Amino acid sequence: MLRPGSKSERKSVGLSIDCRLIDEANALGMDMSSLAEAAIAAVVSAEKTRRWQEENKEAIDSWNDYVRRHGLPLAKDRLF
């Protein structure tokens, strides 16, 4: 997984961003490239998680149903 600010190959892209937002970020001394990269990384991560959950929904539901009916395996051995 790429992390914002990691030393990876960079590519310049064109973005259209609200001028007022750019002015505010610049006034606060924020690095627009780092902000954009971090936001994109967060959205990509969330979408990957959503897709994984969707692809594995049947198995997740099955396991949750098992736990509802039988409890957690080895629960009797838990120390908390």
PDB file of N, CA and C in Angstrom:
ATOM      1  N   MET A   1       0.835  -1.176   0.000  1.00  0.00           N
ATOM      2  CA  MET A   1       0.000   0.000   0.000  1.00  0.00           C
ATOM      3  C   MET A   1       0.878   1.236   0.000  1.00  0.00           C
ATOM      4  N   LEU A   2       0.564   2.189  -0.837  1.00  0.00           N
ATOM      5  CA  LEU A   2       1.302   3.439  -0.860  1.00  0.00           C
ATOM      6  C   LEU A   2       0.837   4.321   0.278  1.00  0.00           C
ATOM      7  N   ARG A   3       1.768   4.930   0.933  1.00  0.00           N
ATOM      8  CA  ARG A   3       1.449   5.848   2.020  1.00  0.00           C
ATOM      9  C   ARG A   3       1.764   7.260   1.569  1.00  0.00           C
ATOM     10  N   PRO A   4       0.933   8.214   1.963  1.00  0.00           N
ATOM     11  CA  PRO A   4       1.207   9.602   1.602  1.00  0.00           C
ATOM     12  C   PRO A   4       2.612   9.996   2.066  1.00  0.00           C
ATOM     13  N   GLY A   5       3.344  10.645   1.187  1.00  0.00           N
ATOM     14  CA  GLY A   5       4.681  11.097   1.528  1.00  0.00           C
ATOM     15  C   GLY A   5       5.755  10.037   1.361  1.00  0.00           C
ATOM     16  N   SER A   6       5.368   8.805   0.999  1.00  0.00           N
ATOM     17  CA  SER A   6       6.373   7.767   0.822  1.00  0.00           C
ATOM     18  C   SER A   6       7.191   8.064  -0.428  1.00  0.00           C
ATOM     19  N   LYS A   7       8.390   7.513  -0.448  1.00  0.00           N
ATOM     20  CA  LYS A   7       9.263   7.750  -1.597  1.00  0.00           C
ATOM     21  C   LYS A   7       8.875   6.795  -2.719  1.00  0.00           C
ATOM     22  N   SER A   8       7.949   7.237  -3.526  1.00  0.00           N
ATOM     23  CA  SER A   8       7.499   6.450  -4.658  1.00  0.00           C
ATOM     24  C   SER A   8       7.542   7.335  -5.895  1.00  0.00           C
ATOM     25  N   GLU A   9       7.376   6.707  -7.031  1.00  0.00           N
ATOM     26  CA  GLU A   9       7.362   7.464  -8.274  1.00  0.00           C
ATOM     27  C   GLU A   9       6.205   8.451  -8.259  1.00  0.00           C
ATOM     28  N   ARG A  10       6.457   9.642  -8.716  1.00  0.00           N
ATOM     29  CA  ARG A  10       5.444  10.689  -8.734  1.00  0.00           C
ATOM     30  C   ARG A  10       4.996  10.964 -10.155  1.00  0.00           C
ATOM     31  N   LYS A  11       3.750  11.410 -10.283  1.00  0.00           N
ATOM     32  CA  LYS A  11       3.197  11.782 -11.576  1.00  0.00           C
ATOM     33  C   LYS A  11       2.404  13.059 -11.382  1.00  0.00           C
ATOM     34  N   SER A  12       2.606  14.002 -12.226  1.00  0.00           N
ATOM     35  CA  SER A  12       1.873  15.258 -12.156  1.00  0.00           C
ATOM     36  C   SER A  12       0.501  15.068 -12.800  1.00  0.00           C
ATOM     37  N   VAL A  13      -0.527  15.566 -12.114  1.00  0.00           N
ATOM     38  CA  VAL A  13      -1.884  15.478 -12.645  1.00  0.00           C
ATOM     39  C   VAL A  13      -2.549  16.844 -12.520  1.00  0.00           C
ATOM     40  N   GLY A  14      -3.531  17.061 -13.353  1.00  0.00           N
ATOM     41  CA  GLY A  14      -4.273  18.313 -13.287  1.00  0.00           C
ATOM     42  C   GLY A  14      -5.534  18.131 -12.459  1.00  0.00           C
ATOM     43  N   LEU A  15      -5.759  19.034 -11.523  1.00  0.00           N
ATOM     44  CA  LEU A  15      -6.945  18.992 -10.682  1.00  0.00           C
ATOM     45  C   LEU A  15      -7.626  20.342 -10.720  1.00  0.00           C
ATOM     46  N   SER A  16      -8.932  20.332 -10.649  1.00  0.00           N
ATOM     47  CA  SER A  16      -9.690  21.575 -10.506  1.00  0.00           C
ATOM     48  C   SER A  16     -10.214  21.629  -9.088  1.00  0.00           C
ATOM     49  N   ILE A  17      -9.795  22.652  -8.349  1.00  0.00           N
ATOM     50  CA  ILE A  17     -10.164  22.790  -6.943  1.00  0.00           C
ATOM     51  C   ILE A  17     -10.707  24.200  -6.732  1.00  0.00           C
ATOM     52  N   ASP A  18     -11.728  24.305  -5.914  1.00  0.00           N
ATOM     53  CA  ASP A  18     -12.344  25.583  -5.595  1.00  0.00           C
ATOM     54  C   ASP A  18     -11.275  26.594  -5.165  1.00  0.00           C
ATOM     55  N   CYS A  19     -11.255  27.749  -5.808  1.00  0.00           N
ATOM     56  CA  CYS A  19     -10.244  28.780  -5.549  1.00  0.00           C
ATOM     57  C   CYS A  19     -10.226  29.221  -4.095  1.00  0.00           C
ATOM     58  N   ARG A  20     -11.391  29.344  -3.491  1.00  0.00           N
ATOM     59  CA  ARG A  20     -11.443  29.770  -2.088  1.00  0.00           C
ATOM     60  C   ARG A  20     -10.759  28.752  -1.181  1.00  0.00           C
ATOM     61  N   LEU A  21     -10.945  27.480  -1.481  1.00  0.00           N
ATOM     62  CA  LEU A  21     -10.317  26.432  -0.694  1.00  0.00           C
ATOM     63  C   LEU A  21      -8.801  26.475  -0.840  1.00  0.00           C
ATOM     64  N   ILE A  22      -8.340  26.702  -2.059  1.00  0.00           N
ATOM     65  CA  ILE A  22      -6.898  26.813  -2.304  1.00  0.00           C
ATOM     66  C   ILE A  22      -6.330  28.004  -1.544  1.00  0.00           C
ATOM     67  N   ASP A  23      -7.026  29.146  -1.599  1.00  0.00           N
ATOM     68  CA  ASP A  23      -6.561  30.347  -0.891  1.00  0.00           C
ATOM     69  C   ASP A  23      -6.475  30.098   0.616  1.00  0.00           C
ATOM     70  N   GLU A  24      -7.495  29.426   1.178  1.00  0.00           N
ATOM     71  CA  GLU A  24      -7.493  29.141   2.612  1.00  0.00           C
ATOM     72  C   GLU A  24      -6.347  28.198   2.989  1.00  0.00           C
ATOM     73  N   ALA A  25      -6.155  27.163   2.193  1.00  0.00           N
ATOM     74  CA  ALA A  25      -5.076  26.206   2.475  1.00  0.00           C
ATOM     75  C   ALA A  25      -3.715  26.895   2.375  1.00  0.00           C
ATOM     76  N   ASN A  26      -3.527  27.719   1.362  1.00  0.00           N
ATOM     77  CA  ASN A  26      -2.263  28.444   1.219  1.00  0.00           C
ATOM     78  C   ASN A  26      -2.043  29.396   2.380  1.00  0.00           C
ATOM     79  N   ALA A  27      -3.100  30.091   2.810  1.00  0.00           N
ATOM     80  CA  ALA A  27      -2.985  31.027   3.936  1.00  0.00           C
ATOM     81  C   ALA A  27      -2.589  30.306   5.226  1.00  0.00           C
ATOM     82  N   LEU A  28      -2.968  29.048   5.325  1.00  0.00           N
ATOM     83  CA  LEU A  28      -2.625  28.252   6.501  1.00  0.00           C
ATOM     84  C   LEU A  28      -1.297  27.517   6.339  1.00  0.00           C
ATOM     85  N   GLY A  29      -0.635  27.735   5.194  1.00  0.00           N
ATOM     86  CA  GLY A  29       0.669  27.114   4.948  1.00  0.00           C
ATOM     87  C   GLY A  29       0.598  25.630   4.687  1.00  0.00           C
ATOM     88  N   MET A  30      -0.521  25.182   4.160  1.00  0.00           N
ATOM     89  CA  MET A  30      -0.705  23.748   3.907  1.00  0.00           C
ATOM     90  C   MET A  30      -0.121  23.357   2.550  1.00  0.00           C
ATOM     91  N   ASP A  31       0.412  22.142   2.487  1.00  0.00           N
ATOM     92  CA  ASP A  31       0.984  21.597   1.252  1.00  0.00           C
ATOM     93  C   ASP A  31      -0.135  20.907   0.471  1.00  0.00           C
ATOM     94  N   MET A  32      -0.550  21.540  -0.621  1.00  0.00           N
ATOM     95  CA  MET A  32      -1.690  21.035  -1.396  1.00  0.00           C
ATOM     96  C   MET A  32      -1.455  19.622  -1.933  1.00  0.00           C
ATOM     97  N   SER A  33      -0.257  19.351  -2.408  1.00  0.00           N
ATOM     98  CA  SER A  33       0.021  18.018  -2.950  1.00  0.00           C
ATOM     99  C   SER A  33      -0.108  16.940  -1.881  1.00  0.00           C
ATOM    100  N   SER A  34       0.438  17.208  -0.694  1.00  0.00           N
ATOM    101  CA  SER A  34       0.345  16.230   0.393  1.00  0.00           C
ATOM    102  C   SER A  34      -1.093  16.040   0.848  1.00  0.00           C
ATOM    103  N   LEU A  35      -1.837  17.142   0.914  1.00  0.00           N
ATOM    104  CA  LEU A  35      -3.240  17.050   1.307  1.00  0.00           C
ATOM    105  C   LEU A  35      -4.039  16.220   0.311  1.00  0.00           C
ATOM    106  N   ALA A  36      -3.852  16.501  -0.968  1.00  0.00           N
ATOM    107  CA  ALA A  36      -4.582  15.771  -2.006  1.00  0.00           C
ATOM    108  C   ALA A  36      -4.206  14.293  -1.982  1.00  0.00           C
ATOM    109  N   GLU A  37      -2.911  14.014  -1.840  1.00  0.00           N
ATOM    110  CA  GLU A  37      -2.463  12.622  -1.833  1.00  0.00           C
ATOM    111  C   GLU A  37      -3.027  11.873  -0.625  1.00  0.00           C
ATOM    112  N   ALA A  38      -3.026  12.503   0.544  1.00  0.00           N
ATOM    113  CA  ALA A  38      -3.556  11.860   1.742  1.00  0.00           C
ATOM    114  C   ALA A  38      -5.057  11.608   1.600  1.00  0.00           C
ATOM    115  N   ALA A  39      -5.782  12.578   1.051  1.00  0.00           N
ATOM    116  CA  ALA A  39      -7.231  12.411   0.875  1.00  0.00           C
ATOM    117  C   ALA A  39      -7.535  11.300  -0.129  1.00  0.00           C
ATOM    118  N   ILE A  40      -6.810  11.262  -1.223  1.00  0.00           N
ATOM    119  CA  ILE A  40      -7.024  10.214  -2.232  1.00  0.00           C
ATOM    120  C   ILE A  40      -6.681   8.850  -1.641  1.00  0.00           C
ATOM    121  N   ALA A  41      -5.573   8.771  -0.892  1.00  0.00           N
ATOM    122  CA  ALA A  41      -5.192   7.500  -0.265  1.00  0.00           C
ATOM    123  C   ALA A  41      -6.270   7.009   0.690  1.00  0.00           C
ATOM    124  N   ALA A  42      -6.866   7.920   1.461  1.00  0.00           N
ATOM    125  CA  ALA A  42      -7.921   7.538   2.402  1.00  0.00           C
ATOM    126  C   ALA A  42      -9.153   7.016   1.673  1.00  0.00           C
ATOM    127  N   VAL A  43      -9.533   7.682   0.600  1.00  0.00           N
ATOM    128  CA  VAL A  43     -10.718   7.262  -0.162  1.00  0.00           C
ATOM    129  C   VAL A  43     -10.464   5.922  -0.860  1.00  0.00           C
ATOM    130  N   VAL A  44      -9.262   5.741  -1.406  1.00  0.00           N
ATOM    131  CA  VAL A  44      -8.914   4.470  -2.053  1.00  0.00           C
ATOM    132  C   VAL A  44      -8.955   3.341  -1.025  1.00  0.00           C
ATOM    133  N   SER A  45      -8.397   3.571   0.152  1.00  0.00           N
ATOM    134  CA  SER A  45      -8.402   2.554   1.205  1.00  0.00           C
ATOM    135  C   SER A  45      -9.826   2.196   1.618  1.00  0.00           C
ATOM    136  N   ALA A  46     -10.664   3.194   1.798  1.00  0.00           N
ATOM    137  CA  ALA A  46     -12.056   2.956   2.182  1.00  0.00           C
ATOM    138  C   ALA A  46     -12.798   2.168   1.104  1.00  0.00           C
ATOM    139  N   GLU A  47     -12.541   2.493  -0.150  1.00  0.00           N
ATOM    140  CA  GLU A  47     -13.222   1.783  -1.244  1.00  0.00           C
ATOM    141  C   GLU A  47     -12.744   0.340  -1.340  1.00  0.00           C
ATOM    142  N   LYS A  48     -11.443   0.100  -1.134  1.00  0.00           N
ATOM    143  CA  LYS A  48     -10.931  -1.267  -1.146  1.00  0.00           C
ATOM    144  C   LYS A  48     -11.577  -2.083  -0.026  1.00  0.00           C
ATOM    145  N   THR A  49     -11.703  -1.468   1.151  1.00  0.00           N
ATOM    146  CA  THR A  49     -12.345  -2.145   2.277  1.00  0.00           C
ATOM    147  C   THR A  49     -13.801  -2.459   1.951  1.00  0.00           C
ATOM    148  N   ARG A  50     -14.513  -1.475   1.407  1.00  0.00           N
ATOM    149  CA  ARG A  50     -15.925  -1.678   1.049  1.00  0.00           C
ATOM    150  C   ARG A  50     -16.075  -2.817   0.053  1.00  0.00           C
ATOM    151  N   ARG A  51     -15.220  -2.839  -0.958  1.00  0.00           N
ATOM    152  CA  ARG A  51     -15.304  -3.899  -1.976  1.00  0.00           C
ATOM    153  C   ARG A  51     -14.972  -5.261  -1.389  1.00  0.00           C
ATOM    154  N   TRP A  52     -13.952  -5.316  -0.504  1.00  0.00           N
ATOM    155  CA  TRP A  52     -13.597  -6.589   0.119  1.00  0.00           C
ATOM    156  C   TRP A  52     -14.770  -7.097   0.932  1.00  0.00           C
ATOM    157  N   GLN A  53     -15.386  -6.209   1.716  1.00  0.00           N
ATOM    158  CA  GLN A  53     -16.537  -6.614   2.523  1.00  0.00           C
ATOM    159  C   GLN A  53     -17.688  -7.091   1.649  1.00  0.00           C
ATOM    160  N   GLU A  54     -17.908  -6.416   0.531  1.00  0.00           N
ATOM    161  CA  GLU A  54     -18.970  -6.824  -0.393  1.00  0.00           C
ATOM    162  C   GLU A  54     -18.667  -8.188  -1.000  1.00  0.00           C
ATOM    163  N   GLU A  55     -17.410  -8.390  -1.417  1.00  0.00           N
ATOM    164  CA  GLU A  55     -17.019  -9.658  -2.035  1.00  0.00           C
ATOM    165  C   GLU A  55     -17.069 -10.813  -1.039  1.00  0.00           C
ATOM    166  N   ASN A  56     -16.886 -10.515   0.239  1.00  0.00           N
ATOM    167  CA  ASN A  56     -16.836 -11.553   1.261  1.00  0.00           C
ATOM    168  C   ASN A  56     -18.064 -11.552   2.170  1.00  0.00           C
ATOM    169  N   LYS A  57     -19.116 -10.886   1.721  1.00  0.00           N
ATOM    170  CA  LYS A  57     -20.329 -10.735   2.531  1.00  0.00           C
ATOM    171  C   LYS A  57     -20.920 -12.077   2.960  1.00  0.00           C
ATOM    172  N   GLU A  58     -20.954 -13.014   2.057  1.00  0.00           N
ATOM    173  CA  GLU A  58     -21.536 -14.319   2.379  1.00  0.00           C
ATOM    174  C   GLU A  58     -20.762 -15.007   3.503  1.00  0.00           C
ATOM    175  N   ALA A  59     -19.450 -14.992   3.429  1.00  0.00           N
ATOM    176  CA  ALA A  59     -18.633 -15.628   4.465  1.00  0.00           C
ATOM    177  C   ALA A  59     -18.748 -14.871   5.789  1.00  0.00           C
ATOM    178  N   ILE A  60     -18.753 -13.557   5.736  1.00  0.00           N
ATOM    179  CA  ILE A  60     -18.886 -12.751   6.951  1.00  0.00           C
ATOM    180  C   ILE A  60     -20.231 -13.011   7.613  1.00  0.00           C
ATOM    181  N   ASP A  61     -21.302 -12.997   6.827  1.00  0.00           N
ATOM    182  CA  ASP A  61     -22.634 -13.265   7.372  1.00  0.00           C
ATOM    183  C   ASP A  61     -22.724 -14.664   7.970  1.00  0.00           C
ATOM    184  N   SER A  62     -22.122 -15.622   7.303  1.00  0.00           N
ATOM    185  CA  SER A  62     -22.137 -17.002   7.789  1.00  0.00           C
ATOM    186  C   SER A  62     -21.421 -17.099   9.132  1.00  0.00           C
ATOM    187  N   TRP A  63     -20.263 -16.476   9.240  1.00  0.00           N
ATOM    188  CA  TRP A  63     -19.505 -16.511  10.488  1.00  0.00           C
ATOM    189  C   TRP A  63     -20.276 -15.793  11.599  1.00  0.00           C
ATOM    190  N   ASN A  64     -20.830 -14.635  11.299  1.00  0.00           N
ATOM    191  CA  ASN A  64     -21.603 -13.900  12.300  1.00  0.00           C
ATOM    192  C   ASN A  64     -22.795 -14.720  12.781  1.00  0.00           C
ATOM    193  N   ASP A  65     -23.439 -15.426  11.866  1.00  0.00           N
ATOM    194  CA  ASP A  65     -24.566 -16.282  12.240  1.00  0.00           C
ATOM    195  C   ASP A  65     -24.095 -17.413  13.158  1.00  0.00           C
ATOM    196  N   TYR A  66     -22.965 -18.008  12.833  1.00  0.00           N
ATOM    197  CA  TYR A  66     -22.404 -19.082  13.668  1.00  0.00           C
ATOM    198  C   TYR A  66     -22.144 -18.565  15.086  1.00  0.00           C
ATOM    199  N   VAL A  67     -21.530 -17.393  15.184  1.00  0.00           N
ATOM    200  CA  VAL A  67     -21.208 -16.833  16.499  1.00  0.00           C
ATOM    201  C   VAL A  67     -22.482 -16.502  17.272  1.00  0.00           C
ATOM    202  N   ARG A  68     -23.497 -15.994  16.587  1.00  0.00           N
ATOM    203  CA  ARG A  68     -24.772 -15.710  17.260  1.00  0.00           C
ATOM    204  C   ARG A  68     -25.384 -16.991  17.837  1.00  0.00           C
ATOM    205  N   ARG A  69     -25.295 -18.071  17.076  1.00  0.00           N
ATOM    206  CA  ARG A  69     -25.911 -19.327  17.513  1.00  0.00           C
ATOM    207  C   ARG A  69     -25.074 -20.083  18.546  1.00  0.00           C
ATOM    208  N   HIS A  70     -23.744 -20.056  18.382  1.00  0.00           N
ATOM    209  CA  HIS A  70     -22.881 -20.912  19.203  1.00  0.00           C
ATOM    210  C   HIS A  70     -21.922 -20.156  20.113  1.00  0.00           C
ATOM    211  N   GLY A  71     -21.819 -18.858  19.954  1.00  0.00           N
ATOM    212  CA  GLY A  71     -20.820 -18.099  20.718  1.00  0.00           C
ATOM    213  C   GLY A  71     -19.462 -18.201  20.063  1.00  0.00           C
ATOM    214  N   LEU A  72     -18.511 -17.506  20.646  1.00  0.00           N
ATOM    215  CA  LEU A  72     -17.157 -17.521  20.092  1.00  0.00           C
ATOM    216  C   LEU A  72     -16.460 -18.830  20.412  1.00  0.00           C
ATOM    217  N   PRO A  73     -15.780 -19.414  19.426  1.00  0.00           N
ATOM    218  CA  PRO A  73     -14.999 -20.611  19.714  1.00  0.00           C
ATOM    219  C   PRO A  73     -13.919 -20.275  20.751  1.00  0.00           C
ATOM    220  N   LEU A  74     -13.669 -21.160  21.633  1.00  0.00           N
ATOM    221  CA  LEU A  74     -12.651 -21.009  22.672  1.00  0.00           C
ATOM    222  C   LEU A  74     -12.950 -19.883  23.654  1.00  0.00           C
ATOM    223  N   ALA A  75     -14.196 -19.405  23.695  1.00  0.00           N
ATOM    224  CA  ALA A  75     -14.549 -18.333  24.620  1.00  0.00           C
ATOM    225  C   ALA A  75     -14.284 -18.735  26.065  1.00  0.00           C
ATOM    226  N   LYS A  76     -14.446 -20.013  26.359  1.00  0.00           N
ATOM    227  CA  LYS A  76     -14.235 -20.489  27.719  1.00  0.00           C
ATOM    228  C   LYS A  76     -12.772 -20.351  28.153  1.00  0.00           C
ATOM    229  N   ASP A  77     -11.854 -20.238  27.184  1.00  0.00           N
ATOM    230  CA  ASP A  77     -10.430 -20.132  27.501  1.00  0.00           C
ATOM    231  C   ASP A  77      -9.933 -18.693  27.574  1.00  0.00           C
ATOM    232  N   ARG A  78     -10.828 -17.739  27.333  1.00  0.00           N
ATOM    233  CA  ARG A  78     -10.412 -16.325  27.378  1.00  0.00           C
ATOM    234  C   ARG A  78     -10.107 -15.915  28.807  1.00  0.00           C
ATOM    235  N   LEU A  79      -9.124 -15.058  28.959  1.00  0.00           N
ATOM    236  CA  LEU A  79      -8.727 -14.588  30.297  1.00  0.00           C
ATOM    237  C   LEU A  79      -9.361 -13.254  30.639  1.00  0.00           C
ATOM    238  N   PHE A  80     -10.213 -12.734  29.789  1.00  0.00           N
ATOM    239  CA  PHE A  80     -10.869 -11.442  30.064  1.00  0.00           C
ATOM    240  C   PHE A  80     -12.349 -11.550  29.835  1.00  0.00           C
TER     241      PHE A  80
END
